[in-house]
Protein backbone atom coordinates (compact mmCIF):
# COMPACT_ATOMS: atom_id res chain seq x y z
CA MET A 1 37.13 -41.41 -21.86
CA LEU A 2 37.20 -40.73 -18.14
CA PRO A 3 40.60 -40.96 -16.44
CA ALA A 4 40.89 -43.67 -13.75
CA SER A 5 41.01 -41.04 -10.99
CA ASN A 6 37.58 -39.78 -12.08
CA ARG A 7 35.78 -43.13 -12.03
CA LEU A 8 33.49 -44.12 -9.21
CA ARG A 9 33.96 -47.84 -8.53
CA LEU A 10 32.96 -48.84 -5.01
CA GLY A 11 29.42 -49.95 -4.23
CA GLN A 12 29.41 -47.99 -0.98
CA ASP A 13 30.21 -44.81 -2.92
CA PHE A 14 27.31 -45.47 -5.32
CA SER A 15 24.97 -46.12 -2.37
CA ARG A 16 26.05 -43.02 -0.44
CA THR A 17 25.69 -40.77 -3.49
CA THR A 18 22.30 -42.10 -4.59
CA LYS A 19 20.84 -42.13 -1.07
CA THR A 20 22.18 -38.86 0.37
CA GLY A 21 23.10 -36.78 -2.69
CA HIS A 22 21.03 -34.17 -4.48
CA ARG A 23 19.02 -35.41 -7.44
CA ALA A 24 18.06 -33.92 -10.79
CA THR A 25 15.90 -35.79 -13.29
CA SER A 26 14.91 -35.72 -16.93
CA ASN A 27 12.90 -38.16 -19.04
CA LEU A 28 16.11 -40.04 -19.90
CA LEU A 29 18.45 -39.67 -16.93
CA VAL A 30 18.66 -39.21 -13.18
CA LEU A 31 21.77 -37.43 -11.91
CA TYR A 32 22.79 -37.82 -8.26
CA PHE A 33 25.29 -35.27 -6.96
CA LEU A 34 27.18 -35.38 -3.65
CA THR A 35 29.81 -32.91 -2.43
CA HIS A 36 31.71 -33.43 0.80
CA GLU A 37 35.17 -32.37 1.99
CA GLN A 38 36.09 -35.98 2.87
CA LEU A 39 35.59 -37.21 -0.70
CA PRO A 40 38.59 -37.45 -3.05
CA LEU A 41 39.77 -34.16 -4.55
CA ALA A 42 39.10 -35.14 -8.19
CA PRO A 43 35.41 -35.36 -9.18
CA GLN A 44 34.28 -38.97 -9.59
CA VAL A 45 31.57 -40.26 -11.92
CA GLY A 46 29.68 -43.56 -11.90
CA LEU A 47 27.00 -45.02 -14.17
CA ILE A 48 23.96 -47.19 -13.49
CA ILE A 49 22.44 -48.74 -16.61
CA ASN A 50 19.87 -51.45 -15.91
CA LYS A 51 19.04 -54.35 -18.20
CA SER A 52 15.61 -52.82 -18.81
CA VAL A 53 17.35 -50.16 -20.96
CA GLY A 54 18.58 -52.77 -23.43
CA GLY A 55 20.92 -55.65 -24.06
CA SER A 56 24.62 -55.76 -23.30
CA VAL A 57 25.71 -54.09 -26.53
CA THR A 58 23.21 -51.26 -26.04
CA ARG A 59 24.21 -50.71 -22.40
CA HIS A 60 27.92 -50.62 -23.27
CA ARG A 61 27.28 -48.14 -26.10
CA ILE A 62 25.37 -45.89 -23.72
CA ALA A 63 28.14 -46.17 -21.10
CA ARG A 64 30.78 -45.14 -23.65
CA GLN A 65 28.66 -42.17 -24.76
CA LEU A 66 28.08 -40.99 -21.20
CA ARG A 67 31.72 -41.41 -20.13
CA HIS A 68 32.80 -39.40 -23.17
CA ALA A 69 30.21 -36.69 -22.49
CA MET A 70 31.14 -36.49 -18.79
CA ALA A 71 34.85 -36.12 -19.61
CA SER A 72 34.07 -32.74 -21.16
CA HIS A 73 32.07 -31.67 -18.06
CA LEU A 74 34.68 -32.58 -15.43
CA THR A 75 36.00 -29.03 -15.33
CA GLU A 76 32.51 -27.75 -14.41
CA LEU A 77 32.30 -30.00 -11.35
CA PRO A 78 33.64 -28.76 -8.03
CA ALA A 79 36.36 -30.68 -6.17
CA HIS A 80 35.30 -33.36 -3.66
CA THR A 81 32.29 -34.34 -5.78
CA GLN A 82 30.76 -37.67 -6.69
CA VAL A 83 28.19 -37.97 -9.49
CA VAL A 84 26.11 -41.03 -10.34
CA ILE A 85 24.14 -41.10 -13.58
CA ARG A 86 21.20 -43.51 -13.81
CA VAL A 87 19.90 -44.18 -17.32
CA LEU A 88 16.11 -44.54 -17.52
CA LYS A 89 15.55 -44.96 -21.27
CA ASN A 90 17.51 -45.83 -24.39
CA ASN A 91 18.23 -42.77 -26.55
CA PRO A 92 20.70 -42.07 -29.37
CA ASP A 93 22.14 -38.98 -27.65
CA TYR A 94 22.25 -37.98 -23.98
CA ARG A 95 24.56 -34.95 -24.22
CA GLU A 96 21.90 -32.24 -24.03
CA ASP A 97 20.03 -33.86 -21.12
CA LEU A 98 23.28 -34.44 -19.28
CA ALA A 99 24.47 -30.84 -19.70
CA GLN A 100 21.12 -29.48 -18.48
CA LEU A 101 21.09 -31.76 -15.43
CA ILE A 102 24.64 -30.81 -14.44
CA VAL A 103 23.81 -27.10 -14.57
CA LYS A 104 20.54 -27.70 -12.72
CA VAL A 105 22.08 -29.67 -9.84
CA ILE A 106 25.06 -27.32 -9.43
CA LYS A 107 22.73 -24.31 -9.24
CA ARG A 108 20.39 -26.09 -6.83
CA THR A 109 23.17 -27.13 -4.46
CA GLY A 110 25.11 -23.87 -4.69
CA ALA A 111 28.26 -25.90 -5.36
CA HIS A 112 30.99 -24.18 -7.32
CA GLN A 113 34.69 -24.57 -7.85
């Protein structure tokens, strides 16, 4: 589970990250990544899971899986970072795609701790 300090909650934060952040995509996920000195010190993560992915139970299961997977990747993210994960398709396991996208976007942006 993600600690409260690592959760992205405000709509304006989601908008800023998805519109101005760097993007990495796979068949299952889109990862938006924004780093800026004015953002909170602790990395923050938000999820976007549309109804087209599945019903309420399915979307909540996916959210739990992704929050759990992101908790283990928080140490890889630099400070002052916001990440938004958009789910494109229903899948039993997102861990591998998520890990690859995180590495891809960090390398592309040159961001490091």
